[in-house]
């Protein structure tokens, strides 16, 4: 159950990071802004994916305990 809660928290963090990415996209673009936008977007996607994997592992663990 702890893995599922952690996974959901990571998914929520990833969504929050993506919202920040969308909100802080400015009109003027510099190379540094492009770098940080890409970095935040990549981190948001990675954290969300990690949350999905962790949640899936938690569900699998619970299902294996039920079958025993």
Foldseek 3Di string as FASTA:
>chain_A
DVLLVQLVVLLVVLVVLVVVLVVPDDDDDDPVNVVVSVVSNVSSVVSNVSSVVSNVVVVVVVVVVVVD
